Amino acid sequence: MPEELLFDQMRAVVISDDRLNQGGLVLNTECLRFAQHWGFRPRACRAYRAKTKGKVERPIRYVRHSFFYGRRFLNDDDLNQQARHWLDHTANVRRHRTTGERPRERFERDERDALKPLASTPYPRLGRAAARPSTKRLPYEHHVQRRPLSVYAEAVR
């Protein structure tokens, strides 16, 4: 677990941010409880600061475009197995354009020793009881289809 995690200003993390006006940042209580359990310090991007926001959003776009789109999977286990293979044979062994290094080598050299161990117990969820996992297997494949945002905007109208 890293010491600090950087979040976008989503409602699940940030309730209000008045840092631009010399005020403070108010974080969601449940987010703070989650962070305390796992042992990290939550940090939120500043509003209207593209430099830090890109650090949060760019990896998501990379995974979506390079791994997810057009992929078929049967269930979560199948998806996780495909993701592990993609990480081990594609994403973590390619040479990164900005750093000029392979992510796996950089992680082993600079980051692994800085991580703390995960909490020994699962996160105690508040609210309604967690749904029991289904033992029934779905007989069909899931397919992630790529659509422009305008399709979703039209569906909302």
N, C-alpha and C. Protein backbone atom coordinates (compact mmCIF):
# COMPACT_ATOMS: atom_id res chain seq x y z
N MET A 1 0.85 -1.17 0.00
CA MET A 1 0.00 0.00 0.00
C MET A 1 0.90 1.24 0.00
N PRO A 2 0.63 2.19 -0.90
CA PRO A 2 1.42 3.43 -0.88
C PRO A 2 1.03 4.29 0.31
N GLU A 3 1.88 5.25 0.66
CA GLU A 3 1.58 6.16 1.76
C GLU A 3 0.45 7.12 1.40
N GLU A 4 0.36 7.46 0.10
CA GLU A 4 -0.60 8.47 -0.33
C GLU A 4 -1.24 8.03 -1.65
N LEU A 5 -2.56 8.30 -1.79
CA LEU A 5 -3.26 8.03 -3.04
C LEU A 5 -3.89 9.34 -3.53
N LEU A 6 -3.70 9.63 -4.82
CA LEU A 6 -4.23 10.83 -5.43
C LEU A 6 -5.57 10.51 -6.08
N PHE A 7 -6.61 11.29 -5.73
CA PHE A 7 -7.95 11.08 -6.26
C PHE A 7 -8.40 12.29 -7.06
N ASP A 8 -9.29 12.03 -8.00
CA ASP A 8 -10.02 13.09 -8.66
C ASP A 8 -11.03 13.64 -7.64
N GLN A 9 -11.66 14.75 -7.94
CA GLN A 9 -12.59 15.34 -6.97
C GLN A 9 -14.00 14.77 -7.11
N MET A 10 -14.11 13.46 -7.05
CA MET A 10 -15.43 12.84 -7.09
C MET A 10 -16.09 12.94 -5.72
N ARG A 11 -17.40 12.88 -5.70
CA ARG A 11 -18.18 13.07 -4.47
C ARG A 11 -17.87 12.00 -3.42
N ALA A 12 -17.50 10.83 -3.85
CA ALA A 12 -17.18 9.76 -2.89
C ALA A 12 -15.91 10.08 -2.11
N VAL A 13 -15.13 11.05 -2.57
CA VAL A 13 -13.88 11.41 -1.90
C VAL A 13 -13.96 12.83 -1.33
N VAL A 14 -14.33 13.80 -2.14
CA VAL A 14 -14.31 15.21 -1.75
C VAL A 14 -15.73 15.75 -1.60
N ILE A 15 -16.03 16.31 -0.44
CA ILE A 15 -17.33 16.94 -0.23
C ILE A 15 -17.29 18.40 -0.65
N SER A 16 -16.22 19.10 -0.29
CA SER A 16 -16.05 20.48 -0.75
C SER A 16 -14.57 20.83 -0.79
N ASP A 17 -14.23 21.74 -1.71
CA ASP A 17 -12.85 22.17 -1.89
C ASP A 17 -12.84 23.67 -2.09
N ASP A 18 -12.34 24.37 -1.11
CA ASP A 18 -12.25 25.82 -1.19
C ASP A 18 -10.79 26.27 -1.12
N ARG A 19 -9.88 25.40 -1.56
CA ARG A 19 -8.45 25.71 -1.48
C ARG A 19 -8.05 26.89 -2.36
N LEU A 20 -8.74 27.09 -3.49
CA LEU A 20 -8.40 28.21 -4.36
C LEU A 20 -8.70 29.55 -3.71
N ASN A 21 -9.62 29.56 -2.75
CA ASN A 21 -9.99 30.79 -2.03
C ASN A 21 -9.43 30.79 -0.61
N GLN A 22 -8.29 30.16 -0.42
CA GLN A 22 -7.60 30.09 0.87
C GLN A 22 -8.38 29.31 1.93
N GLY A 23 -9.33 28.50 1.49
CA GLY A 23 -10.10 27.68 2.42
C GLY A 23 -9.49 26.29 2.51
N GLY A 24 -10.32 25.35 2.87
CA GLY A 24 -9.83 24.00 3.07
C GLY A 24 -10.51 22.98 2.19
N LEU A 25 -10.13 21.77 2.41
CA LEU A 25 -10.65 20.61 1.69
C LEU A 25 -11.41 19.75 2.69
N VAL A 26 -12.63 19.38 2.37
CA VAL A 26 -13.42 18.53 3.24
C VAL A 26 -13.61 17.19 2.53
N LEU A 27 -13.08 16.13 3.15
CA LEU A 27 -13.17 14.81 2.56
C LEU A 27 -14.35 14.04 3.12
N ASN A 28 -14.89 13.15 2.32
CA ASN A 28 -15.99 12.29 2.71
C ASN A 28 -15.56 11.42 3.89
N THR A 29 -16.42 11.32 4.90
CA THR A 29 -16.09 10.55 6.10
C THR A 29 -15.82 9.08 5.78
N GLU A 30 -16.61 8.51 4.90
CA GLU A 30 -16.40 7.10 4.54
C GLU A 30 -15.06 6.91 3.83
N CYS A 31 -14.67 7.88 3.01
CA CYS A 31 -13.36 7.81 2.35
C CYS A 31 -12.24 7.85 3.39
N LEU A 32 -12.39 8.71 4.39
CA LEU A 32 -11.38 8.80 5.45
C LEU A 32 -11.29 7.49 6.24
N ARG A 33 -12.44 6.88 6.50
CA ARG A 33 -12.47 5.60 7.21
C ARG A 33 -11.79 4.52 6.37
N PHE A 34 -12.07 4.52 5.08
CA PHE A 34 -11.46 3.56 4.15
C PHE A 34 -9.94 3.75 4.13
N ALA A 35 -9.50 5.00 4.04
CA ALA A 35 -8.07 5.30 4.01
C ALA A 35 -7.38 4.87 5.31
N GLN A 36 -8.04 5.11 6.43
CA GLN A 36 -7.46 4.72 7.71
C GLN A 36 -7.32 3.20 7.80
N HIS A 37 -8.34 2.48 7.34
CA HIS A 37 -8.28 1.02 7.39
C HIS A 37 -7.10 0.48 6.57
N TRP A 38 -6.92 1.00 5.36
CA TRP A 38 -5.86 0.49 4.47
C TRP A 38 -4.52 1.15 4.73
N GLY A 39 -4.51 2.25 5.47
CA GLY A 39 -3.24 2.86 5.87
C GLY A 39 -2.63 3.80 4.85
N PHE A 40 -3.45 4.55 4.12
CA PHE A 40 -2.91 5.54 3.19
C PHE A 40 -3.53 6.91 3.50
N ARG A 41 -2.90 7.94 2.97
CA ARG A 41 -3.38 9.31 3.12
C ARG A 41 -4.04 9.71 1.80
N PRO A 42 -5.35 10.05 1.81
CA PRO A 42 -5.98 10.47 0.56
C PRO A 42 -5.58 11.90 0.21
N ARG A 43 -5.36 12.12 -1.07
CA ARG A 43 -5.03 13.46 -1.56
C ARG A 43 -5.90 13.73 -2.78
N ALA A 44 -6.45 14.91 -2.89
CA ALA A 44 -7.34 15.25 -4.00
C ALA A 44 -6.66 16.22 -4.95
N CYS A 45 -6.91 16.04 -6.24
CA CYS A 45 -6.42 16.98 -7.25
C CYS A 45 -7.03 18.35 -6.98
N ARG A 46 -6.28 19.37 -7.29
CA ARG A 46 -6.83 20.72 -7.20
C ARG A 46 -7.75 20.93 -8.40
N ALA A 47 -8.82 21.67 -8.17
CA ALA A 47 -9.73 21.99 -9.27
C ALA A 47 -9.00 22.84 -10.31
N TYR A 48 -9.29 22.62 -11.56
CA TYR A 48 -8.74 23.39 -12.68
C TYR A 48 -7.22 23.29 -12.78
N ARG A 49 -6.67 22.16 -12.40
CA ARG A 49 -5.22 21.95 -12.52
C ARG A 49 -5.01 20.68 -13.32
N ALA A 50 -4.84 20.87 -14.62
CA ALA A 50 -4.76 19.74 -15.54
C ALA A 50 -3.55 18.84 -15.27
N LYS A 51 -2.48 19.40 -14.73
CA LYS A 51 -1.27 18.61 -14.53
C LYS A 51 -1.50 17.44 -13.57
N THR A 52 -2.16 17.68 -12.44
CA THR A 52 -2.40 16.57 -11.51
C THR A 52 -3.58 15.72 -11.95
N LYS A 53 -4.58 16.32 -12.56
CA LYS A 53 -5.74 15.56 -13.01
C LYS A 53 -5.32 14.51 -14.05
N GLY A 54 -4.39 14.85 -14.89
CA GLY A 54 -3.89 13.90 -15.89
C GLY A 54 -3.24 12.68 -15.26
N LYS A 55 -2.61 12.87 -14.10
CA LYS A 55 -1.98 11.74 -13.40
C LYS A 55 -3.02 10.74 -12.93
N VAL A 56 -4.23 11.23 -12.64
CA VAL A 56 -5.30 10.36 -12.20
C VAL A 56 -5.99 9.70 -13.39
N GLU A 57 -6.27 10.48 -14.44
CA GLU A 57 -7.10 9.98 -15.54
C GLU A 57 -6.34 9.26 -16.65
N ARG A 58 -5.12 9.62 -16.91
CA ARG A 58 -4.40 9.05 -18.04
C ARG A 58 -4.21 7.53 -17.93
N PRO A 59 -3.88 6.98 -16.76
CA PRO A 59 -3.75 5.52 -16.69
C PRO A 59 -5.05 4.79 -17.01
N ILE A 60 -6.19 5.38 -16.63
CA ILE A 60 -7.48 4.76 -16.92
C ILE A 60 -7.69 4.71 -18.43
N ARG A 61 -7.40 5.79 -19.11
CA ARG A 61 -7.55 5.82 -20.56
C ARG A 61 -6.62 4.82 -21.22
N TYR A 62 -5.40 4.72 -20.74
CA TYR A 62 -4.46 3.76 -21.30
C TYR A 62 -4.99 2.33 -21.19
N VAL A 63 -5.49 1.96 -20.02
CA VAL A 63 -6.02 0.60 -19.83
C VAL A 63 -7.26 0.39 -20.70
N ARG A 64 -8.13 1.37 -20.74
CA ARG A 64 -9.36 1.25 -21.53
C ARG A 64 -9.03 1.05 -23.01
N HIS A 65 -8.14 1.87 -23.57
CA HIS A 65 -7.83 1.79 -24.99
C HIS A 65 -6.92 0.61 -25.33
N SER A 66 -5.97 0.31 -24.48
CA SER A 66 -4.99 -0.73 -24.81
C SER A 66 -5.39 -2.13 -24.39
N PHE A 67 -6.29 -2.24 -23.43
CA PHE A 67 -6.68 -3.57 -22.95
C PHE A 67 -8.17 -3.86 -23.12
N PHE A 68 -9.03 -2.98 -22.64
CA PHE A 68 -10.45 -3.31 -22.51
C PHE A 68 -11.23 -3.37 -23.81
N TYR A 69 -11.11 -2.35 -24.66
CA TYR A 69 -11.97 -2.27 -25.84
C TYR A 69 -11.82 -3.49 -26.74
N GLY A 70 -12.96 -4.05 -27.13
CA GLY A 70 -12.97 -5.18 -28.05
C GLY A 70 -12.65 -6.51 -27.42
N ARG A 71 -12.42 -6.54 -26.13
CA ARG A 71 -12.06 -7.79 -25.46
C ARG A 71 -13.32 -8.54 -25.02
N ARG A 72 -13.28 -9.85 -25.10
CA ARG A 72 -14.39 -10.69 -24.65
C ARG A 72 -13.94 -11.47 -23.43
N PHE A 73 -14.83 -11.61 -22.47
CA PHE A 73 -14.51 -12.39 -21.27
C PHE A 73 -15.78 -13.05 -20.75
N LEU A 74 -15.62 -14.19 -20.10
CA LEU A 74 -16.76 -14.96 -19.62
C LEU A 74 -17.26 -14.52 -18.25
N ASN A 75 -16.33 -14.13 -17.38
CA ASN A 75 -16.68 -13.76 -16.01
C ASN A 75 -15.51 -12.99 -15.41
N ASP A 76 -15.62 -12.63 -14.15
CA ASP A 76 -14.56 -11.85 -13.51
C ASP A 76 -13.23 -12.61 -13.49
N ASP A 77 -13.27 -13.90 -13.23
CA ASP A 77 -12.03 -14.69 -13.20
C ASP A 77 -11.34 -14.68 -14.56
N ASP A 78 -12.11 -14.83 -15.62
CA ASP A 78 -11.56 -14.80 -16.98
C ASP A 78 -10.97 -13.43 -17.28
N LEU A 79 -11.69 -12.37 -16.92
CA LEU A 79 -11.19 -11.02 -17.14
C LEU A 79 -9.90 -10.78 -16.36
N ASN A 80 -9.85 -11.21 -15.10
CA ASN A 80 -8.64 -11.04 -14.29
C ASN A 80 -7.47 -11.81 -14.87
N GLN A 81 -7.72 -13.01 -15.39
CA GLN A 81 -6.65 -13.80 -15.99
C GLN A 81 -6.12 -13.11 -17.25
N GLN A 82 -7.03 -12.58 -18.09
CA GLN A 82 -6.59 -11.85 -19.28
C GLN A 82 -5.81 -10.59 -18.90
N ALA A 83 -6.29 -9.91 -17.86
CA ALA A 83 -5.60 -8.68 -17.43
C ALA A 83 -4.20 -8.99 -16.92
N ARG A 84 -4.05 -10.05 -16.14
CA ARG A 84 -2.74 -10.44 -15.62
C ARG A 84 -1.79 -10.76 -16.78
N HIS A 85 -2.28 -11.48 -17.78
CA HIS A 85 -1.44 -11.81 -18.95
C HIS A 85 -1.04 -10.54 -19.69
N TRP A 86 -1.99 -9.62 -19.88
CA TRP A 86 -1.70 -8.37 -20.56
C TRP A 86 -0.66 -7.55 -19.79
N LEU A 87 -0.80 -7.49 -18.46
CA LEU A 87 0.18 -6.76 -17.65
C LEU A 87 1.57 -7.39 -17.75
N ASP A 88 1.63 -8.72 -17.62
CA ASP A 88 2.92 -9.42 -17.61
C ASP A 88 3.61 -9.45 -18.96
N HIS A 89 2.84 -9.45 -20.06
CA HIS A 89 3.44 -9.63 -21.38
C HIS A 89 3.36 -8.40 -22.28
N THR A 90 2.62 -7.37 -21.87
CA THR A 90 2.48 -6.19 -22.71
C THR A 90 2.78 -4.91 -21.93
N ALA A 91 1.87 -4.55 -21.02
CA ALA A 91 1.93 -3.24 -20.39
C ALA A 91 3.18 -3.00 -19.56
N ASN A 92 3.58 -3.96 -18.75
CA ASN A 92 4.71 -3.75 -17.84
C ASN A 92 6.08 -4.06 -18.44
N VAL A 93 6.10 -4.55 -19.67
CA VAL A 93 7.39 -4.85 -20.30
C VAL A 93 7.71 -3.91 -21.47
N ARG A 94 6.75 -3.10 -21.89
CA ARG A 94 7.01 -2.16 -22.98
C ARG A 94 7.85 -1.01 -22.45
N ARG A 95 8.57 -0.36 -23.34
CA ARG A 95 9.38 0.80 -22.94
C ARG A 95 8.48 2.03 -22.93
N HIS A 96 8.39 2.70 -21.78
CA HIS A 96 7.54 3.87 -21.60
C HIS A 96 8.13 5.05 -22.36
N ARG A 97 7.28 5.76 -23.10
CA ARG A 97 7.79 6.87 -23.93
C ARG A 97 8.36 8.02 -23.11
N THR A 98 7.78 8.31 -21.95
CA THR A 98 8.25 9.45 -21.15
C THR A 98 9.51 9.10 -20.36
N THR A 99 9.50 7.97 -19.67
CA THR A 99 10.64 7.62 -18.81
C THR A 99 11.74 6.89 -19.56
N GLY A 100 11.39 6.25 -20.69
CA GLY A 100 12.37 5.47 -21.43
C GLY A 100 12.70 4.15 -20.76
N GLU A 101 11.91 3.77 -19.75
CA GLU A 101 12.16 2.54 -18.99
C GLU A 101 10.94 1.61 -19.06
N ARG A 102 11.18 0.36 -18.76
CA ARG A 102 10.07 -0.59 -18.64
C ARG A 102 9.44 -0.41 -17.25
N PRO A 103 8.10 -0.31 -17.18
CA PRO A 103 7.44 -0.09 -15.88
C PRO A 103 7.83 -1.14 -14.83
N ARG A 104 7.96 -2.40 -15.21
CA ARG A 104 8.30 -3.44 -14.24
C ARG A 104 9.67 -3.17 -13.62
N GLU A 105 10.65 -2.80 -14.43
CA GLU A 105 12.00 -2.54 -13.92
C GLU A 105 12.00 -1.31 -13.01
N ARG A 106 11.28 -0.27 -13.41
CA ARG A 106 11.23 0.94 -12.59
C ARG A 106 10.54 0.67 -11.25
N PHE A 107 9.46 -0.12 -11.27
CA PHE A 107 8.76 -0.47 -10.04
C PHE A 107 9.69 -1.23 -9.08
N GLU A 108 10.37 -2.24 -9.59
CA GLU A 108 11.26 -3.04 -8.74
C GLU A 108 12.39 -2.19 -8.17
N ARG A 109 12.93 -1.29 -8.97
CA ARG A 109 14.06 -0.47 -8.53
C ARG A 109 13.65 0.65 -7.57
N ASP A 110 12.56 1.36 -7.88
CA ASP A 110 12.24 2.60 -7.16
C ASP A 110 11.04 2.53 -6.22
N GLU A 111 10.12 1.60 -6.42
CA GLU A 111 8.86 1.70 -5.71
C GLU A 111 8.52 0.55 -4.78
N ARG A 112 8.91 -0.66 -5.10
CA ARG A 112 8.49 -1.81 -4.30
C ARG A 112 8.82 -1.63 -2.82
N ASP A 113 10.02 -1.20 -2.50
CA ASP A 113 10.43 -1.06 -1.10
C ASP A 113 9.70 0.06 -0.36
N ALA A 114 9.09 1.00 -1.12
CA ALA A 114 8.37 2.10 -0.48
C ALA A 114 6.94 1.71 -0.09
N LEU A 115 6.45 0.58 -0.59
CA LEU A 115 5.08 0.16 -0.28
C LEU A 115 4.99 -0.48 1.10
N LYS A 116 3.87 -0.25 1.77
CA LYS A 116 3.60 -0.86 3.06
C LYS A 116 2.73 -2.09 2.83
N PRO A 117 2.69 -3.03 3.77
CA PRO A 117 1.81 -4.20 3.59
C PRO A 117 0.34 -3.80 3.67
N LEU A 118 -0.51 -4.59 3.02
CA LEU A 118 -1.95 -4.37 3.08
C LEU A 118 -2.48 -4.69 4.47
N ALA A 119 -3.64 -4.17 4.79
CA ALA A 119 -4.28 -4.47 6.07
C ALA A 119 -4.54 -5.98 6.15
N SER A 120 -4.48 -6.51 7.33
CA SER A 120 -4.62 -7.96 7.51
C SER A 120 -6.08 -8.42 7.47
N THR A 121 -7.03 -7.49 7.58
CA THR A 121 -8.45 -7.85 7.54
C THR A 121 -9.14 -7.11 6.41
N PRO A 122 -10.23 -7.67 5.88
CA PRO A 122 -10.98 -6.95 4.83
C PRO A 122 -11.58 -5.67 5.38
N TYR A 123 -11.90 -4.77 4.50
CA TYR A 123 -12.51 -3.50 4.90
C TYR A 123 -13.93 -3.75 5.41
N PRO A 124 -14.25 -3.28 6.62
CA PRO A 124 -15.60 -3.49 7.16
C PRO A 124 -16.60 -2.51 6.54
N ARG A 125 -17.42 -3.02 5.69
CA ARG A 125 -18.36 -2.20 4.93
C ARG A 125 -19.52 -1.73 5.79
N LEU A 126 -19.88 -0.46 5.65
CA LEU A 126 -21.05 0.09 6.35
C LEU A 126 -22.28 -0.05 5.46
N GLY A 127 -23.46 0.09 6.05
CA GLY A 127 -24.68 0.09 5.23
C GLY A 127 -25.22 -1.30 5.03
N ARG A 128 -25.91 -1.48 3.90
CA ARG A 128 -26.57 -2.75 3.64
C ARG A 128 -25.57 -3.89 3.53
N ALA A 129 -26.02 -5.07 3.85
CA ALA A 129 -25.16 -6.25 3.81
C ALA A 129 -24.71 -6.50 2.38
N ALA A 130 -23.51 -6.97 2.25
CA ALA A 130 -22.97 -7.30 0.93
C ALA A 130 -23.76 -8.46 0.33
N ALA A 131 -23.97 -8.37 -0.97
CA ALA A 131 -24.68 -9.45 -1.65
C ALA A 131 -23.82 -10.71 -1.67
N ARG A 132 -24.46 -11.83 -1.52
CA ARG A 132 -23.71 -13.09 -1.58
C ARG A 132 -23.29 -13.37 -3.00
N PRO A 133 -22.06 -13.82 -3.19
CA PRO A 133 -21.63 -14.12 -4.55
C PRO A 133 -22.43 -15.28 -5.12
N SER A 134 -22.79 -15.15 -6.36
CA SER A 134 -23.56 -16.19 -7.03
C SER A 134 -22.63 -17.33 -7.44
N THR A 135 -23.11 -18.55 -7.25
CA THR A 135 -22.32 -19.70 -7.68
C THR A 135 -22.71 -20.11 -9.09
N LYS A 136 -23.76 -19.49 -9.62
CA LYS A 136 -24.24 -19.81 -10.96
C LYS A 136 -23.34 -19.15 -12.01
N ARG A 137 -22.91 -19.88 -12.98
CA ARG A 137 -22.08 -19.35 -14.06
C ARG A 137 -22.95 -18.82 -15.18
N LEU A 138 -22.58 -17.70 -15.73
CA LEU A 138 -23.33 -17.15 -16.84
C LEU A 138 -22.96 -17.90 -18.12
N PRO A 139 -23.95 -18.24 -18.94
CA PRO A 139 -23.66 -19.05 -20.13
C PRO A 139 -23.22 -18.23 -21.33
N TYR A 140 -22.98 -16.94 -21.16
CA TYR A 140 -22.64 -16.09 -22.30
C TYR A 140 -21.40 -15.27 -22.00
N GLU A 141 -20.81 -14.76 -23.06
CA GLU A 141 -19.63 -13.90 -22.92
C GLU A 141 -20.07 -12.45 -22.73
N HIS A 142 -19.24 -11.69 -22.05
CA HIS A 142 -19.44 -10.25 -21.96
C HIS A 142 -18.55 -9.63 -23.02
N HIS A 143 -19.01 -8.56 -23.61
CA HIS A 143 -18.21 -7.88 -24.62
C HIS A 143 -18.21 -6.39 -24.30
N VAL A 144 -17.03 -5.79 -24.22
CA VAL A 144 -16.92 -4.36 -23.96
C VAL A 144 -16.87 -3.66 -25.30
N GLN A 145 -17.89 -2.86 -25.57
CA GLN A 145 -17.99 -2.18 -26.85
C GLN A 145 -17.59 -0.72 -26.69
N ARG A 146 -16.86 -0.22 -27.63
CA ARG A 146 -16.41 1.17 -27.58
C ARG A 146 -17.47 2.05 -28.23
N ARG A 147 -17.90 3.08 -27.50
CA ARG A 147 -18.88 4.03 -28.01
C ARG A 147 -18.42 5.44 -27.67
N PRO A 148 -18.71 6.41 -28.56
CA PRO A 148 -18.37 7.80 -28.22
C PRO A 148 -19.31 8.31 -27.13
N LEU A 149 -18.86 9.32 -26.38
CA LEU A 149 -19.68 9.88 -25.30
C LEU A 149 -20.99 10.46 -25.80
N SER A 150 -21.03 10.87 -27.05
CA SER A 150 -22.28 11.43 -27.59
C SER A 150 -23.42 10.43 -27.59
N VAL A 151 -23.11 9.15 -27.69
CA VAL A 151 -24.14 8.10 -27.63
C VAL A 151 -24.81 8.11 -26.27
N TYR A 152 -24.02 8.23 -25.19
CA TYR A 152 -24.56 8.25 -23.84
C TYR A 152 -25.34 9.55 -23.59
N ALA A 153 -24.84 10.65 -24.10
CA ALA A 153 -25.53 11.93 -23.95
C ALA A 153 -26.90 11.86 -24.61
N GLU A 154 -26.97 11.24 -25.77
CA GLU A 154 -28.24 11.10 -26.48
C GLU A 154 -29.19 10.18 -25.70
N ALA A 155 -28.67 9.14 -25.10
CA ALA A 155 -29.50 8.19 -24.35
C ALA A 155 -30.11 8.88 -23.12
N VAL A 156 -29.39 9.80 -22.51
CA VAL A 156 -29.88 10.51 -21.33
C VAL A 156 -31.01 11.46 -21.70
N ARG A 157 -30.91 12.05 -22.89
CA ARG A 157 -31.95 12.97 -23.35
C ARG A 157 -33.20 12.19 -23.54
